[in-house]
Amino acid sequence: MLPATLQQAVVLMTVALGTTSLGQAGFVANMSDIAPRQAGKMFGLCNTFGSLSGIVGVTAVGFIVEATNSFSPVFQLTAGLYVLGTLVWWLLATGERVFD
């Protein structure tokens, strides 16, 4: 489904970012569930890896766009990573205490 108008594109982008924010809320709360006393350390570790992916991602996007002259592969890769992350979360995440 491709948006026919600018308004439709804005609505679709808003819905996409909104649903991403909902996922982030569950991610942050889950750290307190699985490691109540170590949640701060876990959150710091997750933020570190998140920052590293932001640095590497900018470089990767530059290479991909330069090689393909299009942002389409970047968006497809991003969608694929979201699906993969969702599957890993569904299969491996727990709300039970893992660390004391």
C-alpha atoms as a PDB file:
ATOM      1  CA  MET A   1       0.000   0.000   0.000  1.00  0.00           C
ATOM      2  CA  LEU A   2       1.618   3.210  -1.135  1.00  0.00           C
ATOM      3  CA  PRO A   3       0.275   6.539   0.121  1.00  0.00           C
ATOM      4  CA  ALA A   4      -1.329   8.581  -2.623  1.00  0.00           C
ATOM      5  CA  THR A   5      -1.074  11.891  -0.815  1.00  0.00           C
ATOM      6  CA  LEU A   6       1.163  13.701   1.594  1.00  0.00           C
ATOM      7  CA  GLN A   7      -1.561  13.531   4.247  1.00  0.00           C
ATOM      8  CA  GLN A   8      -1.775   9.755   3.989  1.00  0.00           C
ATOM      9  CA  ALA A   9       2.011   9.493   4.285  1.00  0.00           C
ATOM     10  CA  VAL A  10       1.957  11.647   7.430  1.00  0.00           C
ATOM     11  CA  VAL A  11      -0.821   9.529   8.970  1.00  0.00           C
ATOM     12  CA  LEU A  12       1.027   6.279   8.209  1.00  0.00           C
ATOM     13  CA  MET A  13       4.287   7.634   9.652  1.00  0.00           C
ATOM     14  CA  THR A  14       2.485   8.829  12.789  1.00  0.00           C
ATOM     15  CA  VAL A  15       0.876   5.411  13.300  1.00  0.00           C
ATOM     16  CA  ALA A  16       4.232   3.674  12.778  1.00  0.00           C
ATOM     17  CA  LEU A  17       6.055   5.867  15.288  1.00  0.00           C
ATOM     18  CA  GLY A  18       3.183   5.605  17.768  1.00  0.00           C
ATOM     19  CA  THR A  19       3.246   1.818  17.751  1.00  0.00           C
ATOM     20  CA  THR A  20       7.032   1.892  18.156  1.00  0.00           C
ATOM     21  CA  SER A  21       6.584   4.015  21.284  1.00  0.00           C
ATOM     22  CA  LEU A  22       4.157   1.477  22.716  1.00  0.00           C
ATOM     23  CA  GLY A  23       6.781  -1.223  22.278  1.00  0.00           C
ATOM     24  CA  GLN A  24       9.417   0.885  24.020  1.00  0.00           C
ATOM     25  CA  ALA A  25       7.185   1.272  27.075  1.00  0.00           C
ATOM     26  CA  GLY A  26       7.012  -2.507  27.485  1.00  0.00           C
ATOM     27  CA  PHE A  27      10.735  -2.888  26.912  1.00  0.00           C
ATOM     28  CA  VAL A  28      11.661  -0.441  29.678  1.00  0.00           C
ATOM     29  CA  ALA A  29       9.195  -1.899  32.193  1.00  0.00           C
ATOM     30  CA  ASN A  30      10.403  -5.442  31.479  1.00  0.00           C
ATOM     31  CA  MET A  31      13.878  -4.662  32.829  1.00  0.00           C
ATOM     32  CA  SER A  32      12.399  -3.893  36.243  1.00  0.00           C
ATOM     33  CA  ASP A  33      10.469  -7.165  36.142  1.00  0.00           C
ATOM     34  CA  ILE A  34      13.360  -9.464  35.294  1.00  0.00           C
ATOM     35  CA  ALA A  35      16.066  -7.779  37.421  1.00  0.00           C
ATOM     36  CA  PRO A  36      14.648  -5.444  40.059  1.00  0.00           C
ATOM     37  CA  ARG A  37      17.979  -4.690  41.762  1.00  0.00           C
ATOM     38  CA  GLN A  38      20.002  -4.589  38.534  1.00  0.00           C
ATOM     39  CA  ALA A  39      17.507  -2.708  36.336  1.00  0.00           C
ATOM     40  CA  GLY A  40      19.643   0.452  36.201  1.00  0.00           C
ATOM     41  CA  LYS A  41      22.691  -1.454  34.984  1.00  0.00           C
ATOM     42  CA  MET A  42      20.637  -3.342  32.416  1.00  0.00           C
ATOM     43  CA  PHE A  43      19.025  -0.143  31.182  1.00  0.00           C
ATOM     44  CA  GLY A  44      22.476   1.469  30.817  1.00  0.00           C
ATOM     45  CA  LEU A  45      23.753  -1.538  28.877  1.00  0.00           C
ATOM     46  CA  CYS A  46      20.728  -1.478  26.560  1.00  0.00           C
ATOM     47  CA  ASN A  47      21.146   2.263  25.976  1.00  0.00           C
ATOM     48  CA  THR A  48      24.817   1.724  25.128  1.00  0.00           C
ATOM     49  CA  PHE A  49      23.969  -0.852  22.486  1.00  0.00           C
ATOM     50  CA  GLY A  50      21.170   1.382  21.224  1.00  0.00           C
ATOM     51  CA  SER A  51      23.625   4.254  20.788  1.00  0.00           C
ATOM     52  CA  LEU A  52      26.104   2.035  18.970  1.00  0.00           C
ATOM     53  CA  SER A  53      23.428   0.888  16.546  1.00  0.00           C
ATOM     54  CA  GLY A  54      22.603   4.537  15.848  1.00  0.00           C
ATOM     55  CA  ILE A  55      26.214   5.245  14.952  1.00  0.00           C
ATOM     56  CA  VAL A  56      26.609   2.148  12.781  1.00  0.00           C
ATOM     57  CA  GLY A  57      23.171   2.679  11.213  1.00  0.00           C
ATOM     58  CA  VAL A  58      24.045   6.102   9.823  1.00  0.00           C
ATOM     59  CA  THR A  59      27.149   4.709   8.153  1.00  0.00           C
ATOM     60  CA  ALA A  60      25.257   1.689   6.811  1.00  0.00           C
ATOM     61  CA  VAL A  61      22.503   3.885   5.362  1.00  0.00           C
ATOM     62  CA  GLY A  62      25.137   5.979   3.607  1.00  0.00           C
ATOM     63  CA  PHE A  63      26.712   2.912   2.006  1.00  0.00           C
ATOM     64  CA  ILE A  64      23.363   1.399   1.026  1.00  0.00           C
ATOM     65  CA  VAL A  65      22.032   4.614  -0.542  1.00  0.00           C
ATOM     66  CA  GLU A  66      25.313   5.208  -2.349  1.00  0.00           C
ATOM     67  CA  ALA A  67      25.297   1.661  -3.743  1.00  0.00           C
ATOM     68  CA  THR A  68      21.611   1.562  -4.740  1.00  0.00           C
ATOM     69  CA  ASN A  69      20.726   5.242  -5.266  1.00  0.00           C
ATOM     70  CA  SER A  70      17.546   4.569  -3.299  1.00  0.00           C
ATOM     71  CA  PHE A  71      16.236   4.597   0.262  1.00  0.00           C
ATOM     72  CA  SER A  72      13.916   1.675  -0.486  1.00  0.00           C
ATOM     73  CA  PRO A  73      16.397  -1.032   0.633  1.00  0.00           C
ATOM     74  CA  VAL A  74      16.985   0.901   3.854  1.00  0.00           C
ATOM     75  CA  PHE A  75      13.266   0.932   4.633  1.00  0.00           C
ATOM     76  CA  GLN A  76      12.965  -2.759   3.755  1.00  0.00           C
ATOM     77  CA  LEU A  77      15.912  -3.616   6.011  1.00  0.00           C
ATOM     78  CA  THR A  78      14.398  -1.558   8.832  1.00  0.00           C
ATOM     79  CA  ALA A  79      11.046  -3.335   8.474  1.00  0.00           C
ATOM     80  CA  GLY A  80      12.798  -6.701   8.471  1.00  0.00           C
ATOM     81  CA  LEU A  81      14.726  -5.839  11.632  1.00  0.00           C
ATOM     82  CA  TYR A  82      11.497  -4.781  13.359  1.00  0.00           C
ATOM     83  CA  VAL A  83       9.881  -8.117  12.438  1.00  0.00           C
ATOM     84  CA  LEU A  84      12.955 -10.044  13.599  1.00  0.00           C
ATOM     85  CA  GLY A  85      13.057  -8.116  16.882  1.00  0.00           C
ATOM     86  CA  THR A  86       9.362  -8.811  17.457  1.00  0.00           C
ATOM     87  CA  LEU A  87       9.834 -12.538  16.849  1.00  0.00           C
ATOM     88  CA  VAL A  88      12.831 -12.720  19.196  1.00  0.00           C
ATOM     89  CA  TRP A  89      10.872 -10.837  21.862  1.00  0.00           C
ATOM     90  CA  TRP A  90       7.876 -13.164  21.535  1.00  0.00           C
ATOM     91  CA  LEU A  91      10.044 -16.272  21.695  1.00  0.00           C
ATOM     92  CA  LEU A  92      12.581 -15.322  24.370  1.00  0.00           C
ATOM     93  CA  ALA A  93      11.225 -12.526  26.569  1.00  0.00           C
ATOM     94  CA  THR A  94       9.759 -13.251  29.966  1.00  0.00           C
ATOM     95  CA  GLY A  95       8.152 -11.270  32.746  1.00  0.00           C
ATOM     96  CA  GLU A  96       9.541 -13.581  35.398  1.00  0.00           C
ATOM     97  CA  ARG A  97      12.497 -12.607  37.559  1.00  0.00           C
ATOM     98  CA  VAL A  98      15.707 -13.793  35.914  1.00  0.00           C
ATOM     99  CA  PHE A  99      18.359 -11.943  37.973  1.00  0.00           C
ATOM    100  CA  ASP A 100      18.286 -11.091  41.675  1.00  0.00           C
END
